[in-house]
Amino acid sequence: MDRNRQEQVIIALKEKGATQPCPRCRNLEFEDIGEALLPLFEPRGSPLWATAPEIPVMLISCTNYGYIAHHARRLLNLKR
């Protein structure tokens, strides 16, 4: 992720009030590790199983031990 994109993510998270420590170890340091698409799966046997939609997310990791949080890109107003 380039520096400009990292700054966009940090600003968006702060604007939404996402400033709490890691829920596992209480560490206050995080890093942007990338962007991903999370597939949404219907229960097995559903006709949508192979064609389920995806949610674009930002991946943020605790710098202490790697806890990863996913944040929906659309709700942070982060266009791609």
N, C-alpha and C. Protein backbone atom coordinates (compact mmCIF):
# COMPACT_ATOMS: atom_id res chain seq x y z
N MET A 1 0.86 -1.17 0.00
CA MET A 1 0.00 0.00 0.00
C MET A 1 0.90 1.23 0.00
N ASP A 2 0.65 2.15 -0.90
CA ASP A 2 1.51 3.34 -0.97
C ASP A 2 1.20 4.31 0.17
N ARG A 3 2.10 5.23 0.38
CA ARG A 3 2.02 6.17 1.52
C ARG A 3 0.75 7.01 1.48
N ASN A 4 0.35 7.46 0.30
CA ASN A 4 -0.86 8.28 0.16
C ASN A 4 -2.10 7.48 0.59
N ARG A 5 -2.17 6.22 0.16
CA ARG A 5 -3.31 5.37 0.53
C ARG A 5 -3.31 5.11 2.03
N GLN A 6 -2.15 4.89 2.63
CA GLN A 6 -2.07 4.69 4.07
C GLN A 6 -2.61 5.90 4.83
N GLU A 7 -2.25 7.08 4.37
CA GLU A 7 -2.75 8.31 5.01
C GLU A 7 -4.26 8.42 4.89
N GLN A 8 -4.82 8.06 3.73
CA GLN A 8 -6.27 8.07 3.54
C GLN A 8 -6.96 7.14 4.54
N VAL A 9 -6.38 5.96 4.72
CA VAL A 9 -6.96 4.98 5.64
C VAL A 9 -6.89 5.50 7.08
N ILE A 10 -5.75 6.02 7.48
CA ILE A 10 -5.60 6.55 8.85
C ILE A 10 -6.59 7.67 9.12
N ILE A 11 -6.72 8.60 8.20
CA ILE A 11 -7.66 9.71 8.36
C ILE A 11 -9.09 9.19 8.45
N ALA A 12 -9.46 8.26 7.57
CA ALA A 12 -10.82 7.72 7.57
C ALA A 12 -11.14 7.01 8.88
N LEU A 13 -10.20 6.23 9.40
CA LEU A 13 -10.43 5.53 10.66
C LEU A 13 -10.57 6.51 11.82
N LYS A 14 -9.73 7.53 11.86
CA LYS A 14 -9.81 8.52 12.93
C LYS A 14 -11.11 9.29 12.87
N GLU A 15 -11.56 9.64 11.66
CA GLU A 15 -12.82 10.37 11.50
C GLU A 15 -14.01 9.55 12.02
N LYS A 16 -13.92 8.24 11.91
CA LYS A 16 -14.99 7.35 12.39
C LYS A 16 -14.84 7.01 13.86
N GLY A 17 -13.77 7.48 14.50
CA GLY A 17 -13.57 7.23 15.92
C GLY A 17 -12.90 5.89 16.23
N ALA A 18 -12.25 5.29 15.25
CA ALA A 18 -11.58 4.00 15.45
C ALA A 18 -10.19 4.25 16.03
N THR A 19 -10.16 4.60 17.30
CA THR A 19 -8.90 4.96 17.96
C THR A 19 -8.63 4.12 19.21
N GLN A 20 -9.41 3.07 19.41
CA GLN A 20 -9.25 2.24 20.60
C GLN A 20 -8.06 1.29 20.43
N PRO A 21 -7.51 0.81 21.55
CA PRO A 21 -6.38 -0.12 21.47
C PRO A 21 -6.81 -1.49 20.93
N CYS A 22 -5.84 -2.32 20.64
CA CYS A 22 -6.09 -3.69 20.17
C CYS A 22 -6.99 -4.40 21.19
N PRO A 23 -8.03 -5.10 20.73
CA PRO A 23 -8.92 -5.78 21.67
C PRO A 23 -8.29 -6.99 22.35
N ARG A 24 -7.15 -7.47 21.87
CA ARG A 24 -6.52 -8.64 22.46
C ARG A 24 -5.41 -8.28 23.46
N CYS A 25 -4.54 -7.32 23.08
CA CYS A 25 -3.38 -7.04 23.94
C CYS A 25 -3.31 -5.59 24.43
N ARG A 26 -4.25 -4.76 23.99
CA ARG A 26 -4.33 -3.34 24.39
C ARG A 26 -3.23 -2.48 23.79
N ASN A 27 -2.47 -2.99 22.83
CA ASN A 27 -1.44 -2.22 22.13
C ASN A 27 -2.11 -1.07 21.37
N LEU A 28 -1.45 0.08 21.31
CA LEU A 28 -2.01 1.25 20.61
C LEU A 28 -1.44 1.44 19.21
N GLU A 29 -0.53 0.56 18.80
CA GLU A 29 0.11 0.71 17.48
C GLU A 29 -0.48 -0.28 16.48
N PHE A 30 -0.87 0.25 15.31
CA PHE A 30 -1.41 -0.57 14.23
C PHE A 30 -0.71 -0.20 12.94
N GLU A 31 -0.81 -1.09 11.94
CA GLU A 31 -0.29 -0.76 10.63
C GLU A 31 -1.29 -1.24 9.56
N ASP A 32 -1.32 -0.51 8.47
CA ASP A 32 -2.14 -0.91 7.33
C ASP A 32 -1.37 -2.00 6.61
N ILE A 33 -2.02 -3.14 6.41
CA ILE A 33 -1.30 -4.21 5.73
C ILE A 33 -1.85 -4.49 4.33
N GLY A 34 -2.94 -3.85 3.98
CA GLY A 34 -3.41 -4.03 2.61
C GLY A 34 -4.92 -3.97 2.48
N GLU A 35 -5.36 -4.34 1.30
CA GLU A 35 -6.77 -4.37 0.98
C GLU A 35 -7.11 -5.75 0.47
N ALA A 36 -8.36 -6.17 0.67
CA ALA A 36 -8.76 -7.50 0.24
C ALA A 36 -10.24 -7.50 -0.11
N LEU A 37 -10.66 -8.58 -0.71
CA LEU A 37 -12.08 -8.83 -0.97
C LEU A 37 -12.48 -10.04 -0.15
N LEU A 38 -13.45 -9.87 0.76
CA LEU A 38 -13.94 -10.99 1.55
C LEU A 38 -15.17 -11.57 0.86
N PRO A 39 -15.11 -12.83 0.47
CA PRO A 39 -16.28 -13.43 -0.18
C PRO A 39 -17.40 -13.70 0.83
N LEU A 40 -18.60 -13.52 0.39
CA LEU A 40 -19.77 -13.85 1.20
C LEU A 40 -20.32 -15.17 0.67
N PHE A 41 -20.40 -16.16 1.52
CA PHE A 41 -20.86 -17.47 1.10
C PHE A 41 -22.23 -17.77 1.66
N GLU A 42 -23.07 -18.32 0.83
CA GLU A 42 -24.37 -18.84 1.26
C GLU A 42 -24.13 -20.23 1.82
N PRO A 43 -25.06 -20.76 2.59
CA PRO A 43 -24.89 -22.13 3.09
C PRO A 43 -24.68 -23.11 1.94
N ARG A 44 -23.90 -24.14 2.18
CA ARG A 44 -23.65 -25.16 1.14
C ARG A 44 -24.98 -25.68 0.60
N GLY A 45 -24.98 -25.90 -0.69
CA GLY A 45 -26.19 -26.37 -1.33
C GLY A 45 -27.02 -25.24 -1.93
N SER A 46 -26.71 -24.02 -1.54
CA SER A 46 -27.42 -22.86 -2.09
C SER A 46 -26.97 -22.64 -3.53
N PRO A 47 -27.87 -22.21 -4.40
CA PRO A 47 -27.47 -21.93 -5.79
C PRO A 47 -26.47 -20.77 -5.89
N LEU A 48 -26.32 -19.95 -4.85
CA LEU A 48 -25.40 -18.82 -4.88
C LEU A 48 -24.00 -19.18 -4.42
N TRP A 49 -23.76 -20.44 -4.03
CA TRP A 49 -22.49 -20.84 -3.44
C TRP A 49 -21.29 -20.42 -4.27
N ALA A 50 -21.34 -20.61 -5.58
CA ALA A 50 -20.18 -20.33 -6.43
C ALA A 50 -20.14 -18.89 -6.92
N THR A 51 -21.20 -18.13 -6.74
CA THR A 51 -21.24 -16.77 -7.30
C THR A 51 -21.55 -15.73 -6.24
N ALA A 52 -21.15 -15.98 -5.00
CA ALA A 52 -21.44 -15.05 -3.91
C ALA A 52 -20.71 -13.72 -4.10
N PRO A 53 -21.31 -12.62 -3.64
CA PRO A 53 -20.65 -11.32 -3.74
C PRO A 53 -19.47 -11.20 -2.78
N GLU A 54 -18.73 -10.14 -2.92
CA GLU A 54 -17.55 -9.90 -2.08
C GLU A 54 -17.66 -8.51 -1.43
N ILE A 55 -17.01 -8.36 -0.28
CA ILE A 55 -16.96 -7.08 0.41
C ILE A 55 -15.52 -6.57 0.36
N PRO A 56 -15.29 -5.37 -0.22
CA PRO A 56 -13.94 -4.80 -0.20
C PRO A 56 -13.61 -4.30 1.22
N VAL A 57 -12.46 -4.69 1.75
CA VAL A 57 -12.08 -4.32 3.11
C VAL A 57 -10.64 -3.81 3.17
N MET A 58 -10.37 -3.04 4.20
CA MET A 58 -9.02 -2.62 4.55
C MET A 58 -8.57 -3.55 5.67
N LEU A 59 -7.32 -3.97 5.64
CA LEU A 59 -6.77 -4.85 6.66
C LEU A 59 -5.80 -4.05 7.53
N ILE A 60 -6.08 -4.03 8.83
CA ILE A 60 -5.27 -3.30 9.80
C ILE A 60 -4.75 -4.30 10.82
N SER A 61 -3.44 -4.27 11.11
CA SER A 61 -2.84 -5.25 11.99
C SER A 61 -2.21 -4.60 13.22
N CYS A 62 -2.38 -5.25 14.37
CA CYS A 62 -1.71 -4.85 15.60
C CYS A 62 -0.21 -5.10 15.42
N THR A 63 0.62 -4.12 15.75
CA THR A 63 2.06 -4.28 15.57
C THR A 63 2.70 -5.15 16.67
N ASN A 64 1.96 -5.44 17.73
CA ASN A 64 2.52 -6.26 18.81
C ASN A 64 2.55 -7.73 18.45
N TYR A 65 1.40 -8.27 17.99
CA TYR A 65 1.41 -9.70 17.68
C TYR A 65 0.59 -10.07 16.46
N GLY A 66 0.02 -9.10 15.78
CA GLY A 66 -0.58 -9.36 14.49
C GLY A 66 -2.08 -9.56 14.42
N TYR A 67 -2.79 -9.23 15.47
CA TYR A 67 -4.26 -9.29 15.38
C TYR A 67 -4.70 -8.47 14.17
N ILE A 68 -5.55 -9.03 13.31
CA ILE A 68 -5.98 -8.33 12.11
C ILE A 68 -7.45 -7.95 12.21
N ALA A 69 -7.72 -6.68 11.95
CA ALA A 69 -9.09 -6.17 11.90
C ALA A 69 -9.43 -5.85 10.45
N HIS A 70 -10.66 -6.14 10.07
CA HIS A 70 -11.16 -5.82 8.73
C HIS A 70 -12.10 -4.63 8.86
N HIS A 71 -11.96 -3.68 7.96
CA HIS A 71 -12.85 -2.51 7.94
C HIS A 71 -13.44 -2.37 6.54
N ALA A 72 -14.76 -2.30 6.46
CA ALA A 72 -15.44 -2.18 5.16
C ALA A 72 -15.05 -0.86 4.50
N ARG A 73 -14.46 -0.98 3.32
CA ARG A 73 -13.97 0.20 2.59
C ARG A 73 -15.09 1.19 2.30
N ARG A 74 -16.25 0.71 1.93
CA ARG A 74 -17.37 1.60 1.57
C ARG A 74 -17.79 2.46 2.75
N LEU A 75 -17.83 1.89 3.95
CA LEU A 75 -18.26 2.63 5.13
C LEU A 75 -17.22 3.66 5.57
N LEU A 76 -15.99 3.50 5.13
CA LEU A 76 -14.94 4.48 5.41
C LEU A 76 -14.82 5.50 4.28
N ASN A 77 -15.70 5.38 3.28
CA ASN A 77 -15.68 6.27 2.11
C ASN A 77 -14.34 6.23 1.39
N LEU A 78 -13.76 5.03 1.32
CA LEU A 78 -12.48 4.85 0.62
C LEU A 78 -12.75 4.19 -0.71
N LYS A 79 -12.73 4.97 -1.73
CA LYS A 79 -12.93 4.45 -3.09
C LYS A 79 -11.67 3.77 -3.56
N ARG A 80 -11.78 2.91 -4.50
CA ARG A 80 -10.58 2.27 -5.07
C ARG A 80 -10.27 2.82 -6.40
